Amino acid sequence: MLLQHNQHYYTKAEVTEILNISLAKINRALASQELGFIKVGKRSVRIPEEDLQRWIKRNEVISPSII
């Protein structure tokens, strides 16, 4: 039986590059469980795209100049 999934997973480095945020911010979100992740081995983590999208929506900041 083959497992099928259509979900994409990101590394912490990919998230920091895509969102242009610090690794410390990602680590704080992971430590506080604001951002879901899957642990791979002892030190690696993968962040599911769905969890990342939810975290981005919860932490969106609307610039006052846009309003």
N, C-alpha and C. Protein backbone atom coordinates (compact mmCIF):
# COMPACT_ATOMS: atom_id res chain seq x y z
N MET A 1 0.85 -1.18 0.00
CA MET A 1 0.00 0.00 0.00
C MET A 1 0.89 1.24 0.00
N LEU A 2 0.65 2.14 -0.91
CA LEU A 2 1.41 3.37 -1.00
C LEU A 2 0.68 4.49 -0.27
N LEU A 3 1.43 5.26 0.47
CA LEU A 3 0.86 6.44 1.11
C LEU A 3 0.93 7.60 0.14
N GLN A 4 -0.17 8.28 -0.02
CA GLN A 4 -0.20 9.41 -0.93
C GLN A 4 -0.52 10.67 -0.14
N HIS A 5 0.21 11.72 -0.45
CA HIS A 5 -0.08 13.00 0.17
C HIS A 5 0.22 14.09 -0.84
N ASN A 6 -0.50 15.15 -0.73
CA ASN A 6 -0.32 16.29 -1.63
C ASN A 6 0.21 17.50 -0.88
N GLN A 7 0.60 17.30 0.34
CA GLN A 7 1.03 18.42 1.16
C GLN A 7 2.52 18.66 0.98
N HIS A 8 2.89 19.91 0.95
CA HIS A 8 4.29 20.30 0.84
C HIS A 8 4.82 20.63 2.22
N TYR A 9 6.07 20.31 2.46
CA TYR A 9 6.72 20.59 3.74
C TYR A 9 7.91 21.51 3.51
N TYR A 10 8.14 22.43 4.44
CA TYR A 10 9.23 23.39 4.34
C TYR A 10 10.23 23.18 5.47
N THR A 11 11.48 23.47 5.19
CA THR A 11 12.50 23.51 6.24
C THR A 11 12.45 24.90 6.88
N LYS A 12 13.10 25.03 8.03
CA LYS A 12 13.16 26.34 8.67
C LYS A 12 13.89 27.35 7.78
N ALA A 13 14.94 26.90 7.12
CA ALA A 13 15.70 27.79 6.23
C ALA A 13 14.83 28.29 5.08
N GLU A 14 14.00 27.40 4.52
CA GLU A 14 13.12 27.82 3.43
C GLU A 14 12.11 28.85 3.91
N VAL A 15 11.56 28.65 5.10
CA VAL A 15 10.57 29.59 5.64
C VAL A 15 11.20 30.96 5.88
N THR A 16 12.40 30.98 6.45
CA THR A 16 13.05 32.26 6.70
C THR A 16 13.33 33.00 5.39
N GLU A 17 13.71 32.26 4.37
CA GLU A 17 14.00 32.88 3.07
C GLU A 17 12.71 33.36 2.38
N ILE A 18 11.69 32.56 2.38
CA ILE A 18 10.43 32.91 1.71
C ILE A 18 9.77 34.12 2.37
N LEU A 19 9.72 34.12 3.71
CA LEU A 19 9.02 35.17 4.44
C LEU A 19 9.92 36.33 4.86
N ASN A 20 11.21 36.17 4.64
CA ASN A 20 12.19 37.20 5.01
C ASN A 20 12.09 37.56 6.50
N ILE A 21 12.08 36.51 7.32
CA ILE A 21 12.06 36.68 8.78
C ILE A 21 13.23 35.92 9.37
N SER A 22 13.54 36.19 10.62
CA SER A 22 14.70 35.58 11.26
C SER A 22 14.43 34.13 11.68
N LEU A 23 15.51 33.39 11.79
CA LEU A 23 15.43 32.02 12.28
C LEU A 23 14.94 32.02 13.72
N ALA A 24 15.31 33.03 14.49
CA ALA A 24 14.87 33.13 15.89
C ALA A 24 13.35 33.22 15.98
N LYS A 25 12.74 33.97 15.06
CA LYS A 25 11.27 34.10 15.07
C LYS A 25 10.60 32.74 14.79
N ILE A 26 11.17 32.00 13.85
CA ILE A 26 10.64 30.66 13.55
C ILE A 26 10.83 29.75 14.76
N ASN A 27 12.02 29.78 15.36
CA ASN A 27 12.28 28.93 16.52
C ASN A 27 11.34 29.26 17.68
N ARG A 28 11.04 30.55 17.89
CA ARG A 28 10.09 30.93 18.95
C ARG A 28 8.70 30.39 18.65
N ALA A 29 8.27 30.48 17.41
CA ALA A 29 6.95 29.98 17.01
C ALA A 29 6.87 28.46 17.18
N LEU A 30 7.94 27.76 16.88
CA LEU A 30 7.96 26.31 17.05
C LEU A 30 7.97 25.95 18.54
N ALA A 31 8.77 26.64 19.33
CA ALA A 31 8.88 26.36 20.76
C ALA A 31 7.56 26.63 21.49
N SER A 32 6.85 27.68 21.07
CA SER A 32 5.58 28.02 21.72
C SER A 32 4.40 27.25 21.12
N GLN A 33 4.69 26.41 20.16
CA GLN A 33 3.69 25.59 19.46
C GLN A 33 2.67 26.43 18.69
N GLU A 34 3.04 27.65 18.32
CA GLU A 34 2.20 28.47 17.46
C GLU A 34 2.23 27.93 16.03
N LEU A 35 3.32 27.27 15.70
CA LEU A 35 3.55 26.75 14.36
C LEU A 35 3.78 25.25 14.46
N GLY A 36 2.97 24.49 13.74
CA GLY A 36 3.10 23.04 13.77
C GLY A 36 4.32 22.57 12.99
N PHE A 37 4.85 21.42 13.37
CA PHE A 37 6.00 20.87 12.68
C PHE A 37 6.07 19.37 12.87
N ILE A 38 6.87 18.74 12.04
CA ILE A 38 7.14 17.31 12.13
C ILE A 38 8.63 17.16 12.37
N LYS A 39 8.98 16.43 13.38
CA LYS A 39 10.39 16.23 13.69
C LYS A 39 10.92 15.07 12.85
N VAL A 40 12.06 15.30 12.20
CA VAL A 40 12.69 14.29 11.36
C VAL A 40 14.08 14.04 11.95
N GLY A 41 14.25 12.91 12.58
CA GLY A 41 15.53 12.64 13.25
C GLY A 41 15.64 13.42 14.54
N LYS A 42 16.88 13.67 14.95
CA LYS A 42 17.09 14.36 16.22
C LYS A 42 17.00 15.87 16.10
N ARG A 43 17.46 16.43 14.96
CA ARG A 43 17.57 17.89 14.88
C ARG A 43 16.77 18.54 13.77
N SER A 44 16.32 17.80 12.81
CA SER A 44 15.62 18.39 11.66
C SER A 44 14.12 18.45 11.90
N VAL A 45 13.51 19.52 11.39
CA VAL A 45 12.05 19.63 11.43
C VAL A 45 11.55 20.02 10.05
N ARG A 46 10.32 19.67 9.77
CA ARG A 46 9.64 20.07 8.55
C ARG A 46 8.33 20.71 8.96
N ILE A 47 8.01 21.81 8.29
CA ILE A 47 6.81 22.58 8.61
C ILE A 47 5.79 22.35 7.51
N PRO A 48 4.65 21.75 7.84
CA PRO A 48 3.62 21.53 6.82
C PRO A 48 3.09 22.85 6.26
N GLU A 49 2.83 22.87 4.97
CA GLU A 49 2.36 24.09 4.30
C GLU A 49 1.07 24.61 4.93
N GLU A 50 0.16 23.71 5.27
CA GLU A 50 -1.12 24.11 5.87
C GLU A 50 -0.90 24.84 7.20
N ASP A 51 -0.01 24.32 8.04
CA ASP A 51 0.29 24.98 9.32
C ASP A 51 0.97 26.32 9.10
N LEU A 52 1.85 26.38 8.12
CA LEU A 52 2.53 27.64 7.82
C LEU A 52 1.53 28.70 7.35
N GLN A 53 0.59 28.32 6.48
CA GLN A 53 -0.43 29.27 6.00
C GLN A 53 -1.28 29.79 7.15
N ARG A 54 -1.67 28.92 8.07
CA ARG A 54 -2.47 29.35 9.23
C ARG A 54 -1.68 30.31 10.11
N TRP A 55 -0.40 30.02 10.33
CA TRP A 55 0.45 30.87 11.15
C TRP A 55 0.62 32.24 10.52
N ILE A 56 0.79 32.26 9.20
CA ILE A 56 0.93 33.54 8.49
C ILE A 56 -0.34 34.37 8.64
N LYS A 57 -1.50 33.75 8.47
CA LYS A 57 -2.77 34.49 8.61
C LYS A 57 -2.96 35.04 10.02
N ARG A 58 -2.59 34.26 11.03
CA ARG A 58 -2.72 34.73 12.42
C ARG A 58 -1.76 35.87 12.74
N ASN A 59 -0.66 35.94 12.05
CA ASN A 59 0.38 36.93 12.35
C ASN A 59 0.48 38.02 11.31
N GLU A 60 -0.53 38.13 10.45
CA GLU A 60 -0.51 39.16 9.43
C GLU A 60 -0.58 40.54 10.05
N VAL A 61 0.20 41.43 9.52
CA VAL A 61 0.19 42.82 9.97
C VAL A 61 -0.21 43.69 8.78
N ILE A 62 -1.23 44.49 8.98
CA ILE A 62 -1.67 45.40 7.91
C ILE A 62 -1.04 46.75 8.17
N SER A 63 -0.32 47.20 7.19
CA SER A 63 0.36 48.49 7.31
C SER A 63 -0.64 49.62 7.34
N PRO A 64 -0.48 50.61 8.24
CA PRO A 64 -1.40 51.73 8.33
C PRO A 64 -1.48 52.52 7.02
N SER A 65 -0.43 52.52 6.24
CA SER A 65 -0.45 53.26 4.98
C SER A 65 -1.36 52.61 3.93
N ILE A 66 -1.68 51.33 4.13
CA ILE A 66 -2.56 50.63 3.19
C ILE A 66 -4.03 50.93 3.49
N ILE A 67 -4.34 51.16 4.74
CA ILE A 67 -5.73 51.35 5.17
C ILE A 67 -6.28 52.65 4.67
